[in-house]
Amino acid sequence: MSARALPVLVSKSLHVSVRFFTTLREVTGKKEETLEFPKGKTVTVDRVLKRLTQRYGREFVEYVYDGKTGEVKGFIQFLVNGRSTSSLKGLATRLADGDVLAIIPPVGGG
């Protein structure tokens, strides 16, 4: 009896999981979602935000972006695999296959 080699599955895409908290969970209707991008293309936090903007529209845009400047609102924090993008390369932080991006709105306290 001969052993048959199993085919090796090579993914042609890169997957990034995005975790949503508080208001963004309400906007998206999800706690987490996995986005797929073509392998070989540079994927950054900014590119993920653009994809989410296309998917979730006006309500997402109004929550994440400043209406006057078009910049991401300063109070929103981004973590890639638990590390703040402010200690990496900000919105230009590159993402790899299997990375987890957490988008964290401000937490109120008192």
Protein backbone atom coordinates (compact mmCIF):
# COMPACT_ATOMS: atom_id res chain seq x y z
CA MET A 1 0.00 0.00 0.00
CA SER A 2 1.56 3.29 -1.04
CA ALA A 3 1.18 6.50 0.85
CA ARG A 4 -0.40 9.32 -1.10
CA ALA A 5 0.89 12.81 -0.66
CA LEU A 6 -1.69 15.27 0.49
CA PRO A 7 -1.93 18.47 -1.54
CA VAL A 8 -0.45 21.51 0.10
CA LEU A 9 -2.94 24.33 0.27
CA VAL A 10 -1.34 27.68 -0.46
CA SER A 11 -3.52 30.64 0.32
CA LYS A 12 -3.63 33.33 -2.33
CA SER A 13 -4.92 35.84 0.16
CA LEU A 14 -3.99 37.54 3.40
CA HIS A 15 -6.47 37.53 6.28
CA VAL A 16 -6.72 40.19 8.98
CA SER A 17 -9.16 39.91 11.87
CA VAL A 18 -10.70 43.16 13.07
CA ARG A 19 -12.18 43.44 16.56
CA PHE A 20 -14.82 46.05 17.31
CA PHE A 21 -15.73 47.48 20.71
CA THR A 22 -18.60 49.57 22.14
CA THR A 23 -20.13 51.92 19.56
CA LEU A 24 -18.31 50.32 16.63
CA ARG A 25 -19.83 47.00 17.62
CA GLU A 26 -23.24 48.65 17.26
CA VAL A 27 -22.31 50.26 13.93
CA THR A 28 -21.02 47.01 12.42
CA GLY A 29 -23.32 44.60 14.22
CA LYS A 30 -20.27 42.43 14.92
CA LYS A 31 -17.67 41.77 17.61
CA GLU A 32 -15.12 40.61 15.07
CA GLU A 33 -14.76 40.16 11.35
CA THR A 34 -12.05 38.76 9.11
CA LEU A 35 -11.09 40.74 6.01
CA GLU A 36 -9.38 39.18 3.02
CA PHE A 37 -6.80 40.96 0.85
CA PRO A 38 -4.79 39.74 -2.16
CA LYS A 39 -1.47 38.25 -1.08
CA GLY A 40 1.52 40.27 -2.20
CA LYS A 41 -0.22 43.61 -1.68
CA THR A 42 0.75 45.89 1.19
CA VAL A 43 -1.98 45.96 3.82
CA THR A 44 -1.86 48.75 6.39
CA VAL A 45 -4.18 49.88 9.17
CA ASP A 46 -5.26 52.70 6.86
CA ARG A 47 -6.17 50.25 4.09
CA VAL A 48 -8.25 48.20 6.52
CA LEU A 49 -10.08 51.38 7.60
CA LYS A 50 -10.82 52.22 3.96
CA ARG A 51 -12.26 48.72 3.43
CA LEU A 52 -14.42 49.08 6.56
CA THR A 53 -15.56 52.52 5.37
CA GLN A 54 -16.75 50.99 2.10
CA ARG A 55 -18.51 48.18 3.93
CA TYR A 56 -20.21 50.17 6.71
CA GLY A 57 -20.68 53.57 5.15
CA ARG A 58 -21.66 56.90 6.65
CA GLU A 59 -22.16 55.83 10.26
CA PHE A 60 -18.69 54.24 10.39
CA VAL A 61 -17.12 57.27 8.70
CA GLU A 62 -18.77 59.72 11.09
CA TYR A 63 -17.61 57.78 14.12
CA VAL A 64 -14.01 57.18 13.00
CA TYR A 65 -13.14 60.28 10.94
CA ASP A 66 -13.16 63.99 11.79
CA GLY A 67 -15.74 65.63 9.50
CA LYS A 68 -13.64 68.77 9.04
CA THR A 69 -10.16 67.36 8.54
CA GLY A 70 -10.92 63.89 7.19
CA GLU A 71 -8.33 62.52 9.62
CA VAL A 72 -8.97 59.63 11.99
CA LYS A 73 -10.21 61.02 15.30
CA GLY A 74 -7.44 61.20 17.87
CA PHE A 75 -9.36 59.41 20.59
CA ILE A 76 -9.56 56.13 18.68
CA GLN A 77 -6.80 53.65 19.50
CA PHE A 78 -5.57 50.86 17.25
CA LEU A 79 -3.83 47.75 18.52
CA VAL A 80 -2.12 45.24 16.24
CA ASN A 81 -1.67 41.94 18.05
CA GLY A 82 -1.94 43.84 21.33
CA ARG A 83 0.60 46.56 20.44
CA SER A 84 -0.48 50.17 20.01
CA THR A 85 0.07 51.50 16.50
CA SER A 86 1.26 54.74 18.10
CA SER A 87 4.42 52.83 19.08
CA LEU A 88 4.63 51.31 15.59
CA LYS A 89 3.98 53.31 12.41
CA GLY A 90 0.52 54.67 13.12
CA LEU A 91 -1.98 54.18 10.29
CA ALA A 92 0.92 53.14 8.04
CA THR A 93 1.57 50.07 10.24
CA ARG A 94 1.79 47.05 7.95
CA LEU A 95 -0.32 44.02 8.70
CA ALA A 96 0.56 40.40 8.03
CA ASP A 97 -1.55 37.32 7.45
CA GLY A 98 -3.28 36.34 10.69
CA ASP A 99 -2.82 39.69 12.43
CA VAL A 100 -5.55 40.99 14.72
CA LEU A 101 -6.44 44.69 14.58
CA ALA A 102 -8.46 45.99 17.52
CA ILE A 103 -10.22 49.33 17.07
CA ILE A 104 -10.79 50.79 20.50
CA PRO A 105 -12.93 53.88 21.10
CA PRO A 106 -12.40 55.99 24.22
CA VAL A 107 -13.38 54.49 27.53
CA GLY A 108 -15.24 56.83 29.84
CA GLY A 109 -14.71 56.78 33.53
CA GLY A 110 -15.43 58.80 36.48
